[in-house]
N, C-alpha and C. Protein backbone atom coordinates (compact mmCIF):
# COMPACT_ATOMS: atom_id res chain seq x y z
N UNK A 1 0.82 -1.17 0.00
CA UNK A 1 0.00 0.00 0.00
C UNK A 1 0.87 1.24 0.00
N UNK A 2 1.92 1.20 0.71
CA UNK A 2 2.85 2.30 0.77
C UNK A 2 3.36 2.63 -0.62
N UNK A 3 3.58 1.62 -1.41
CA UNK A 3 4.03 1.80 -2.78
C UNK A 3 2.93 2.47 -3.61
N UNK A 4 1.67 2.08 -3.35
CA UNK A 4 0.55 2.68 -4.07
C UNK A 4 0.43 4.16 -3.74
N UNK A 5 0.62 4.50 -2.49
CA UNK A 5 0.52 5.90 -2.08
C UNK A 5 1.66 6.70 -2.71
N UNK A 6 2.84 6.15 -2.71
CA UNK A 6 3.98 6.84 -3.32
C UNK A 6 3.75 7.02 -4.82
N UNK A 7 3.25 5.97 -5.45
CA UNK A 7 2.99 6.04 -6.87
C UNK A 7 1.89 7.04 -7.18
N UNK A 8 0.83 7.03 -6.38
CA UNK A 8 -0.26 7.99 -6.55
C UNK A 8 0.25 9.40 -6.32
N UNK A 9 1.09 9.62 -5.36
CA UNK A 9 1.67 10.95 -5.10
C UNK A 9 2.54 11.41 -6.25
N UNK A 10 3.33 10.50 -6.81
CA UNK A 10 4.19 10.85 -7.94
C UNK A 10 3.37 11.21 -9.16
N UNK A 11 2.31 10.45 -9.43
CA UNK A 11 1.44 10.73 -10.57
C UNK A 11 0.74 12.07 -10.38
N UNK A 12 0.26 12.34 -9.18
CA UNK A 12 -0.41 13.61 -8.89
C UNK A 12 0.58 14.76 -9.08
N UNK A 13 1.79 14.60 -8.59
CA UNK A 13 2.82 15.64 -8.74
C UNK A 13 3.12 15.90 -10.21
N UNK A 14 3.28 14.85 -11.00
CA UNK A 14 3.56 15.00 -12.42
C UNK A 14 2.39 15.63 -13.16
N UNK A 15 1.17 15.29 -12.76
CA UNK A 15 -0.01 15.87 -13.39
C UNK A 15 -0.07 17.37 -13.13
N UNK A 16 0.28 17.78 -11.90
CA UNK A 16 0.29 19.21 -11.58
C UNK A 16 1.37 19.93 -12.40
N UNK A 17 2.51 19.32 -12.52
CA UNK A 17 3.62 19.93 -13.26
C UNK A 17 3.26 20.06 -14.73
N UNK A 18 2.63 19.04 -15.29
CA UNK A 18 2.21 19.05 -16.68
C UNK A 18 1.14 20.11 -16.89
N UNK A 19 0.21 20.24 -15.96
CA UNK A 19 -0.85 21.24 -16.07
C UNK A 19 -0.26 22.64 -16.05
N UNK A 20 0.76 22.86 -15.24
CA UNK A 20 1.40 24.18 -15.21
C UNK A 20 2.11 24.45 -16.53
N UNK A 21 2.71 23.48 -17.09
CA UNK A 21 3.39 23.65 -18.36
C UNK A 21 2.40 23.99 -19.47
N UNK A 22 1.23 23.43 -19.46
CA UNK A 22 0.22 23.68 -20.48
C UNK A 22 -0.27 25.12 -20.41
N UNK A 23 -0.17 25.76 -19.28
CA UNK A 23 -0.61 27.15 -19.13
C UNK A 23 0.50 28.15 -19.44
N UNK A 24 1.67 27.73 -19.72
CA UNK A 24 2.78 28.63 -20.04
C UNK A 24 2.61 29.16 -21.46
N UNK A 25 3.28 30.28 -21.77
CA UNK A 25 3.10 30.89 -23.09
C UNK A 25 4.41 31.49 -23.57
N UNK A 26 4.66 31.34 -24.84
CA UNK A 26 5.77 32.02 -25.50
C UNK A 26 5.15 32.85 -26.61
N UNK A 27 5.64 34.07 -26.83
CA UNK A 27 5.04 34.91 -27.88
C UNK A 27 6.13 35.60 -28.69
N UNK A 28 5.72 36.01 -29.86
CA UNK A 28 6.61 36.73 -30.75
C UNK A 28 5.76 37.64 -31.62
N UNK A 29 6.23 38.84 -31.90
CA UNK A 29 5.50 39.78 -32.76
C UNK A 29 5.58 39.35 -34.21
N UNK A 30 4.51 39.65 -34.94
CA UNK A 30 4.50 39.48 -36.39
C UNK A 30 4.40 40.88 -36.96
N UNK A 31 5.43 41.35 -37.61
CA UNK A 31 5.42 42.69 -38.20
C UNK A 31 4.85 42.61 -39.61
N UNK A 32 3.70 43.25 -39.81
CA UNK A 32 3.00 43.23 -41.09
C UNK A 32 3.08 44.62 -41.68
N UNK A 33 3.42 44.73 -42.96
CA UNK A 33 3.48 46.05 -43.59
C UNK A 33 3.15 45.95 -45.06
N UNK A 34 2.79 47.08 -45.63
CA UNK A 34 2.54 47.20 -47.06
C UNK A 34 3.04 48.57 -47.49
N UNK A 35 3.51 48.68 -48.70
CA UNK A 35 3.99 49.96 -49.23
C UNK A 35 3.15 50.32 -50.44
N UNK A 36 2.66 51.56 -50.46
CA UNK A 36 1.94 52.08 -51.61
C UNK A 36 2.83 53.13 -52.25
N UNK A 37 3.32 52.85 -53.42
CA UNK A 37 4.16 53.82 -54.14
C UNK A 37 3.28 54.86 -54.82
N UNK A 38 3.79 56.07 -54.98
CA UNK A 38 3.05 57.06 -55.76
C UNK A 38 2.84 56.51 -57.17
N UNK A 39 1.62 56.53 -57.63
CA UNK A 39 1.29 55.96 -58.93
C UNK A 39 0.33 56.88 -59.67
N UNK A 40 0.55 57.06 -60.95
CA UNK A 40 -0.37 57.82 -61.79
C UNK A 40 -0.55 57.09 -63.11
N UNK A 41 -1.75 57.20 -63.67
CA UNK A 41 -2.03 56.63 -64.98
C UNK A 41 -2.86 57.61 -65.79
N UNK A 42 -2.65 57.57 -67.08
CA UNK A 42 -3.50 58.31 -68.01
C UNK A 42 -4.48 57.28 -68.55
N UNK A 43 -5.76 57.51 -68.32
CA UNK A 43 -6.77 56.55 -68.79
C UNK A 43 -6.70 56.44 -70.30
N UNK A 44 -6.84 55.24 -70.77
CA UNK A 44 -6.70 55.01 -72.20
C UNK A 44 -5.24 55.01 -72.61
N UNK A 45 -4.35 54.88 -71.60
CA UNK A 45 -2.91 54.87 -71.87
C UNK A 45 -2.58 53.89 -72.98
N UNK A 46 -1.71 54.28 -73.86
CA UNK A 46 -1.36 53.46 -75.01
C UNK A 46 -2.14 53.85 -76.26
N UNK A 47 -3.24 54.57 -76.06
CA UNK A 47 -4.01 55.08 -77.19
C UNK A 47 -3.71 56.56 -77.32
N UNK A 48 -3.21 56.98 -78.47
CA UNK A 48 -2.85 58.39 -78.65
C UNK A 48 -4.09 59.27 -78.65
N UNK A 49 -3.94 60.43 -78.09
CA UNK A 49 -4.99 61.45 -78.09
C UNK A 49 -4.92 62.16 -79.44
N UNK A 50 -6.06 62.33 -80.10
CA UNK A 50 -6.07 62.95 -81.43
C UNK A 50 -6.64 64.36 -81.36
N UNK A 51 -5.96 65.29 -82.00
CA UNK A 51 -6.45 66.65 -82.18
C UNK A 51 -6.29 66.98 -83.66
N UNK A 52 -7.38 67.17 -84.36
CA UNK A 52 -7.36 67.39 -85.80
C UNK A 52 -8.08 68.70 -86.12
N UNK A 53 -7.35 69.67 -86.65
CA UNK A 53 -7.95 70.95 -87.02
C UNK A 53 -8.83 70.83 -88.26
N UNK A 54 -8.77 69.71 -88.94
CA UNK A 54 -9.60 69.50 -90.13
C UNK A 54 -9.06 70.27 -91.32
N UNK A 55 -9.92 70.53 -92.29
CA UNK A 55 -9.55 71.27 -93.50
C UNK A 55 -9.62 72.76 -93.18
N UNK A 56 -8.54 73.47 -93.43
CA UNK A 56 -8.43 74.89 -93.10
C UNK A 56 -8.84 75.74 -94.31
N UNK A 57 -9.66 76.74 -94.06
CA UNK A 57 -10.07 77.69 -95.10
C UNK A 57 -9.01 78.79 -95.17
N UNK A 58 -8.15 78.72 -96.19
CA UNK A 58 -7.06 79.70 -96.30
C UNK A 58 -7.53 81.03 -96.87
N UNK A 59 -8.79 81.13 -97.29
CA UNK A 59 -9.30 82.41 -97.80
C UNK A 59 -9.70 83.34 -96.65
N UNK A 60 -9.69 82.82 -95.45
CA UNK A 60 -10.05 83.61 -94.28
C UNK A 60 -8.86 83.63 -93.34
N UNK A 61 -8.70 84.70 -92.62
CA UNK A 61 -7.62 84.73 -91.64
C UNK A 61 -8.15 84.37 -90.25
N UNK A 62 -9.34 83.77 -90.19
CA UNK A 62 -9.93 83.39 -88.90
C UNK A 62 -9.16 82.22 -88.29
N UNK A 63 -8.97 82.28 -86.99
CA UNK A 63 -8.35 81.18 -86.27
C UNK A 63 -9.31 79.99 -86.25
N UNK A 64 -8.76 78.79 -86.17
CA UNK A 64 -9.55 77.57 -86.08
C UNK A 64 -9.33 76.96 -84.70
N UNK A 65 -10.41 76.65 -84.00
CA UNK A 65 -10.32 76.12 -82.63
C UNK A 65 -10.84 74.69 -82.55
N UNK A 66 -10.17 73.89 -81.73
CA UNK A 66 -10.59 72.51 -81.46
C UNK A 66 -10.31 72.22 -79.99
N UNK A 67 -10.76 71.07 -79.51
CA UNK A 67 -10.37 70.64 -78.17
C UNK A 67 -10.40 69.12 -78.09
N UNK A 68 -9.71 68.62 -77.09
CA UNK A 68 -9.68 67.20 -76.77
C UNK A 68 -9.54 67.09 -75.26
N UNK A 69 -9.77 65.93 -74.73
CA UNK A 69 -9.62 65.75 -73.29
C UNK A 69 -8.97 64.41 -72.99
N UNK A 70 -8.41 64.33 -71.80
CA UNK A 70 -7.88 63.07 -71.30
C UNK A 70 -8.24 62.98 -69.82
N UNK A 71 -8.23 61.78 -69.32
CA UNK A 71 -8.54 61.54 -67.91
C UNK A 71 -7.32 60.90 -67.26
N UNK A 72 -7.01 61.35 -66.06
CA UNK A 72 -5.88 60.80 -65.33
C UNK A 72 -6.29 60.47 -63.90
N UNK A 73 -5.53 59.57 -63.30
CA UNK A 73 -5.74 59.19 -61.90
C UNK A 73 -4.38 59.01 -61.24
N UNK A 74 -4.29 59.42 -59.98
CA UNK A 74 -3.08 59.21 -59.19
C UNK A 74 -3.46 58.71 -57.81
N UNK A 75 -2.54 58.00 -57.17
CA UNK A 75 -2.78 57.59 -55.80
C UNK A 75 -3.04 58.84 -54.96
N UNK A 76 -3.90 58.71 -53.97
CA UNK A 76 -4.38 59.84 -53.17
C UNK A 76 -3.22 60.66 -52.61
N UNK A 77 -3.26 61.97 -52.84
CA UNK A 77 -2.27 62.88 -52.29
C UNK A 77 -0.97 62.96 -53.07
N UNK A 78 -0.82 62.20 -54.13
CA UNK A 78 0.40 62.22 -54.93
C UNK A 78 0.50 63.56 -55.66
N UNK A 79 1.59 64.29 -55.42
CA UNK A 79 1.81 65.55 -56.13
C UNK A 79 2.13 65.23 -57.59
N UNK A 80 1.46 65.93 -58.50
CA UNK A 80 1.63 65.63 -59.92
C UNK A 80 1.69 66.94 -60.72
N UNK A 81 2.54 66.93 -61.73
CA UNK A 81 2.62 68.04 -62.68
C UNK A 81 2.22 67.48 -64.04
N UNK A 82 1.22 68.11 -64.66
CA UNK A 82 0.77 67.70 -65.99
C UNK A 82 1.48 68.59 -67.00
N UNK A 83 2.20 67.98 -67.92
CA UNK A 83 3.08 68.74 -68.80
C UNK A 83 2.91 68.30 -70.25
N UNK A 84 2.98 69.26 -71.15
CA UNK A 84 3.08 68.99 -72.58
C UNK A 84 4.47 69.43 -73.02
N UNK A 85 5.15 68.62 -73.81
CA UNK A 85 6.48 69.05 -74.27
C UNK A 85 6.34 70.01 -75.45
N UNK A 86 7.47 70.47 -75.97
CA UNK A 86 7.49 71.47 -77.05
C UNK A 86 7.05 70.89 -78.39
N UNK A 87 6.96 69.58 -78.49
CA UNK A 87 6.55 68.95 -79.75
C UNK A 87 7.73 68.64 -80.64
N UNK A 88 7.46 67.86 -81.68
CA UNK A 88 8.52 67.43 -82.59
C UNK A 88 9.04 68.55 -83.47
N UNK A 89 8.27 69.63 -83.62
CA UNK A 89 8.67 70.75 -84.47
C UNK A 89 8.85 72.00 -83.63
N UNK A 90 9.68 71.90 -82.60
CA UNK A 90 9.86 73.03 -81.68
C UNK A 90 10.04 74.32 -82.47
N UNK A 91 9.52 75.40 -81.93
CA UNK A 91 9.49 76.67 -82.67
C UNK A 91 10.86 77.08 -83.18
N UNK A 92 10.82 77.78 -84.28
CA UNK A 92 12.05 78.22 -84.94
C UNK A 92 12.49 79.60 -84.49
N UNK A 93 11.86 80.12 -83.43
CA UNK A 93 12.23 81.45 -82.93
C UNK A 93 11.35 82.55 -83.49
N UNK A 94 10.58 82.28 -84.54
CA UNK A 94 9.74 83.32 -85.13
C UNK A 94 8.35 83.36 -84.49
N UNK A 95 8.11 82.45 -83.56
CA UNK A 95 6.80 82.40 -82.89
C UNK A 95 7.02 82.57 -81.39
N UNK A 96 5.97 82.97 -80.67
CA UNK A 96 6.11 83.06 -79.21
C UNK A 96 6.52 81.71 -78.63
N UNK A 97 7.13 81.73 -77.47
CA UNK A 97 7.62 80.50 -76.85
C UNK A 97 6.51 79.47 -76.63
N UNK A 98 5.28 79.94 -76.43
CA UNK A 98 4.18 79.00 -76.20
C UNK A 98 3.57 78.48 -77.50
N UNK A 99 3.96 79.05 -78.65
CA UNK A 99 3.42 78.59 -79.94
C UNK A 99 4.08 77.28 -80.33
N UNK A 100 3.36 76.53 -81.11
CA UNK A 100 3.84 75.25 -81.62
C UNK A 100 3.70 75.25 -83.13
N UNK A 101 4.37 74.32 -83.78
CA UNK A 101 4.37 74.31 -85.24
C UNK A 101 3.97 72.94 -85.78
N UNK A 102 3.00 72.95 -86.69
CA UNK A 102 2.68 71.77 -87.49
C UNK A 102 3.55 71.86 -88.74
N UNK A 103 4.27 70.80 -89.07
CA UNK A 103 5.12 70.83 -90.26
C UNK A 103 4.46 70.07 -91.39
N UNK A 104 4.62 70.61 -92.61
CA UNK A 104 4.08 69.98 -93.81
C UNK A 104 4.66 68.57 -93.93
N UNK A 105 3.81 67.60 -94.23
CA UNK A 105 4.23 66.20 -94.27
C UNK A 105 5.23 65.90 -95.39
N UNK A 106 5.18 66.69 -96.49
CA UNK A 106 6.04 66.41 -97.64
C UNK A 106 7.10 67.47 -97.89
N UNK A 107 6.91 68.67 -97.36
CA UNK A 107 7.84 69.78 -97.64
C UNK A 107 8.41 70.30 -96.33
N UNK A 108 9.65 69.94 -96.06
CA UNK A 108 10.29 70.38 -94.82
C UNK A 108 10.39 71.90 -94.78
N UNK A 109 10.22 72.45 -93.61
CA UNK A 109 10.35 73.89 -93.43
C UNK A 109 9.07 74.68 -93.66
N UNK A 110 7.99 74.03 -94.04
CA UNK A 110 6.68 74.68 -94.20
C UNK A 110 5.85 74.39 -92.96
N UNK A 111 5.41 75.46 -92.28
CA UNK A 111 4.75 75.30 -90.99
C UNK A 111 3.42 76.03 -90.91
N UNK A 112 2.57 75.55 -90.02
CA UNK A 112 1.38 76.26 -89.55
C UNK A 112 1.57 76.44 -88.04
N UNK A 113 1.32 77.65 -87.56
CA UNK A 113 1.50 77.93 -86.14
C UNK A 113 0.18 77.69 -85.40
N UNK A 114 0.30 77.11 -84.21
CA UNK A 114 -0.88 76.87 -83.37
C UNK A 114 -0.51 76.95 -81.90
N UNK A 115 -1.51 77.06 -81.06
CA UNK A 115 -1.34 77.08 -79.61
C UNK A 115 -2.11 75.92 -79.00
N UNK A 116 -1.62 75.42 -77.89
CA UNK A 116 -2.37 74.49 -77.05
C UNK A 116 -2.60 75.21 -75.73
N UNK A 117 -3.85 75.26 -75.29
CA UNK A 117 -4.21 76.06 -74.12
C UNK A 117 -4.97 75.24 -73.09
N UNK A 118 -4.99 75.78 -71.87
CA UNK A 118 -5.69 75.13 -70.77
C UNK A 118 -7.14 75.59 -70.65
N UNK A 119 -7.53 76.62 -71.40
CA UNK A 119 -8.90 77.13 -71.35
C UNK A 119 -9.37 77.47 -72.76
N UNK A 120 -10.69 77.53 -72.94
CA UNK A 120 -11.27 77.73 -74.27
C UNK A 120 -10.91 79.09 -74.87
N UNK A 121 -10.68 80.10 -74.05
CA UNK A 121 -10.31 81.43 -74.55
C UNK A 121 -8.83 81.55 -74.85
N UNK A 122 -8.09 80.52 -74.54
CA UNK A 122 -6.64 80.47 -74.75
C UNK A 122 -5.91 81.57 -73.99
N UNK A 123 -6.44 81.91 -72.83
CA UNK A 123 -5.75 82.91 -72.00
C UNK A 123 -4.63 82.26 -71.18
N UNK A 124 -4.64 80.93 -71.08
CA UNK A 124 -3.57 80.22 -70.37
C UNK A 124 -3.00 79.14 -71.28
N UNK A 125 -1.99 79.50 -72.09
CA UNK A 125 -1.38 78.48 -72.97
C UNK A 125 -0.63 77.43 -72.13
N UNK A 126 -0.58 76.23 -72.67
CA UNK A 126 0.27 75.21 -72.05
C UNK A 126 1.71 75.62 -72.28
N UNK A 127 2.55 75.30 -71.33
CA UNK A 127 3.97 75.52 -71.50
C UNK A 127 4.55 74.47 -72.43
N UNK A 128 5.85 74.51 -72.56
CA UNK A 128 6.52 73.54 -73.44
C UNK A 128 7.34 72.54 -72.63
N UNK A 129 7.01 72.40 -71.36
CA UNK A 129 7.75 71.49 -70.50
C UNK A 129 8.91 72.16 -69.81
N UNK A 130 9.24 73.40 -70.21
CA UNK A 130 10.34 74.13 -69.58
C UNK A 130 9.82 75.38 -68.88
N UNK A 131 8.53 75.66 -69.00
CA UNK A 131 7.96 76.86 -68.40
C UNK A 131 7.05 76.49 -67.24
N UNK A 132 6.58 77.49 -66.55
CA UNK A 132 5.70 77.26 -65.41
C UNK A 132 4.24 77.10 -65.82
N UNK A 133 3.96 77.06 -67.11
CA UNK A 133 2.57 76.99 -67.58
C UNK A 133 2.07 75.55 -67.66
N UNK A 134 2.42 74.76 -66.67
CA UNK A 134 1.94 73.40 -66.56
C UNK A 134 0.94 73.36 -65.41
N UNK A 135 0.16 72.31 -65.30
CA UNK A 135 -0.78 72.18 -64.20
C UNK A 135 -0.11 71.40 -63.08
N UNK A 136 -0.10 71.96 -61.88
CA UNK A 136 0.44 71.28 -60.71
C UNK A 136 -0.72 71.04 -59.76
N UNK A 137 -0.89 69.80 -59.35
CA UNK A 137 -2.04 69.45 -58.52
C UNK A 137 -1.69 68.20 -57.71
N UNK A 138 -2.66 67.62 -57.06
CA UNK A 138 -2.45 66.38 -56.31
C UNK A 138 -3.53 65.39 -56.71
N UNK A 139 -3.15 64.12 -56.71
CA UNK A 139 -4.09 63.07 -57.05
C UNK A 139 -5.14 62.90 -55.98
N UNK A 140 -6.34 62.57 -56.40
CA UNK A 140 -7.46 62.38 -55.48
C UNK A 140 -7.76 60.93 -55.21
N UNK A 141 -6.88 60.05 -55.58
CA UNK A 141 -7.10 58.63 -55.39
C UNK A 141 -7.40 57.94 -56.71
N UNK A 142 -7.07 56.67 -56.79
CA UNK A 142 -7.24 55.94 -58.04
C UNK A 142 -8.72 55.80 -58.42
N UNK A 143 -9.61 55.94 -57.46
CA UNK A 143 -11.03 55.83 -57.74
C UNK A 143 -11.67 57.15 -58.14
N UNK A 144 -10.87 58.21 -58.23
CA UNK A 144 -11.39 59.54 -58.55
C UNK A 144 -10.70 60.11 -59.77
N UNK A 145 -11.08 59.69 -60.97
CA UNK A 145 -10.44 60.22 -62.18
C UNK A 145 -10.73 61.70 -62.38
N UNK A 146 -9.77 62.39 -62.96
CA UNK A 146 -9.89 63.82 -63.25
C UNK A 146 -9.76 64.01 -64.76
N UNK A 147 -10.64 64.81 -65.33
CA UNK A 147 -10.61 65.09 -66.77
C UNK A 147 -9.99 66.46 -67.00
N UNK A 148 -9.06 66.52 -67.94
CA UNK A 148 -8.40 67.78 -68.31
C UNK A 148 -8.64 68.00 -69.81
N UNK A 149 -9.00 69.22 -70.16
CA UNK A 149 -9.21 69.58 -71.56
C UNK A 149 -7.97 70.28 -72.10
N UNK A 150 -7.68 70.00 -73.35
CA UNK A 150 -6.63 70.70 -74.09
C UNK A 150 -7.32 71.39 -75.25
N UNK A 151 -7.15 72.70 -75.32
CA UNK A 151 -7.78 73.49 -76.38
C UNK A 151 -6.71 73.88 -77.38
N UNK A 152 -7.01 73.74 -78.66
CA UNK A 152 -6.08 74.11 -79.71
C UNK A 152 -6.62 75.25 -80.55
N UNK A 153 -5.73 76.17 -80.91
CA UNK A 153 -6.09 77.30 -81.78
C UNK A 153 -5.04 77.39 -82.88
N UNK A 154 -5.48 77.23 -84.13
CA UNK A 154 -4.59 77.35 -85.29
C UNK A 154 -4.61 78.80 -85.75
N UNK A 155 -3.44 79.37 -85.95
CA UNK A 155 -3.29 80.78 -86.33
C UNK A 155 -3.75 80.98 -87.78
N UNK A 156 -4.87 81.68 -87.96
CA UNK A 156 -5.44 81.93 -89.29
C UNK A 156 -4.54 82.76 -90.18
N UNK A 157 -3.77 83.68 -89.62
CA UNK A 157 -2.85 84.51 -90.42
C UNK A 157 -1.78 83.64 -91.08
N UNK A 158 -1.23 82.70 -90.35
CA UNK A 158 -0.22 81.82 -90.92
C UNK A 158 -0.83 80.90 -91.97
N UNK A 159 -2.07 80.48 -91.77
CA UNK A 159 -2.72 79.56 -92.70
C UNK A 159 -2.90 80.18 -94.08
N UNK A 160 -3.03 81.51 -94.16
CA UNK A 160 -3.23 82.17 -95.45
C UNK A 160 -2.05 81.98 -96.40
N UNK A 161 -0.88 81.75 -95.86
CA UNK A 161 0.32 81.58 -96.69
C UNK A 161 0.78 80.12 -96.77
N UNK A 162 -0.06 79.21 -96.34
CA UNK A 162 0.32 77.79 -96.30
C UNK A 162 0.19 77.15 -97.68
N UNK A 163 1.11 76.23 -97.96
CA UNK A 163 0.99 75.44 -99.20
C UNK A 163 0.04 74.27 -98.92
N UNK A 164 -0.67 73.78 -99.93
CA UNK A 164 -1.61 72.68 -99.73
C UNK A 164 -0.90 71.42 -99.22
N UNK A 165 -1.60 70.66 -98.42
CA UNK A 165 -1.08 69.39 -97.91
C UNK A 165 -1.43 69.18 -96.45
N UNK A 166 -0.95 68.08 -95.93
CA UNK A 166 -1.19 67.72 -94.53
C UNK A 166 -0.02 68.21 -93.69
N UNK A 167 -0.33 68.77 -92.53
CA UNK A 167 0.67 69.26 -91.57
C UNK A 167 0.52 68.45 -90.29
N UNK A 168 1.67 68.10 -89.68
CA UNK A 168 1.62 67.23 -88.49
C UNK A 168 2.63 67.66 -87.43
N UNK A 169 2.33 67.20 -86.24
CA UNK A 169 3.27 67.31 -85.12
C UNK A 169 2.84 66.31 -84.05
N UNK A 170 3.79 65.87 -83.26
CA UNK A 170 3.50 65.03 -82.10
C UNK A 170 3.96 65.77 -80.85
N UNK A 171 3.07 65.89 -79.89
CA UNK A 171 3.36 66.52 -78.60
C UNK A 171 3.20 65.43 -77.54
N UNK A 172 4.14 65.35 -76.62
CA UNK A 172 4.08 64.33 -75.58
C UNK A 172 3.43 64.91 -74.33
N UNK A 173 2.41 64.23 -73.84
CA UNK A 173 1.72 64.56 -72.60
C UNK A 173 2.34 63.71 -71.50
N UNK A 174 2.75 64.34 -70.39
CA UNK A 174 3.37 63.60 -69.29
C UNK A 174 2.74 63.96 -67.96
N UNK A 175 2.65 62.98 -67.09
CA UNK A 175 2.31 63.20 -65.69
C UNK A 175 3.59 62.97 -64.91
N UNK A 176 4.14 64.01 -64.33
CA UNK A 176 5.36 63.90 -63.53
C UNK A 176 4.96 63.85 -62.06
N UNK A 177 5.35 62.78 -61.38
CA UNK A 177 4.98 62.62 -59.97
C UNK A 177 6.11 62.04 -59.18
């Protein structure tokens, strides 16, 4: 019987020790993080924006106006500058710095002068990427697209002396963020 009591005491002692071990705890932190980089996109990216002045009436010195728009989105609070470059036919010095030139497709050196503006009255011309006439703003979040209009005005005085044919230029639109 003495052996039974000793054995029962040993089992009880081990059971208590095991129960205490089951209530012990070890812990470690799990560091979770995510990074959101500043991001901007031009909706319809990869598809060129078209601005076509159409057929110009050279018998009139009236300016010809057109417009186009694009939509952009940036991550919330991302500072962004919307810029148009000087174009493939940067001015030859005979036009104001904000003027741009469409060059004749077949005859080099033949140009039509035009402006790209931020408003329909053309009181705020777009810069050429080197001036302060760009739009500086902040993104409102990827779920909040913003539409910007580009207004074009072709100089009717220059058109009166133009030779027949198609005139072209490519201007690069950039979101700098």
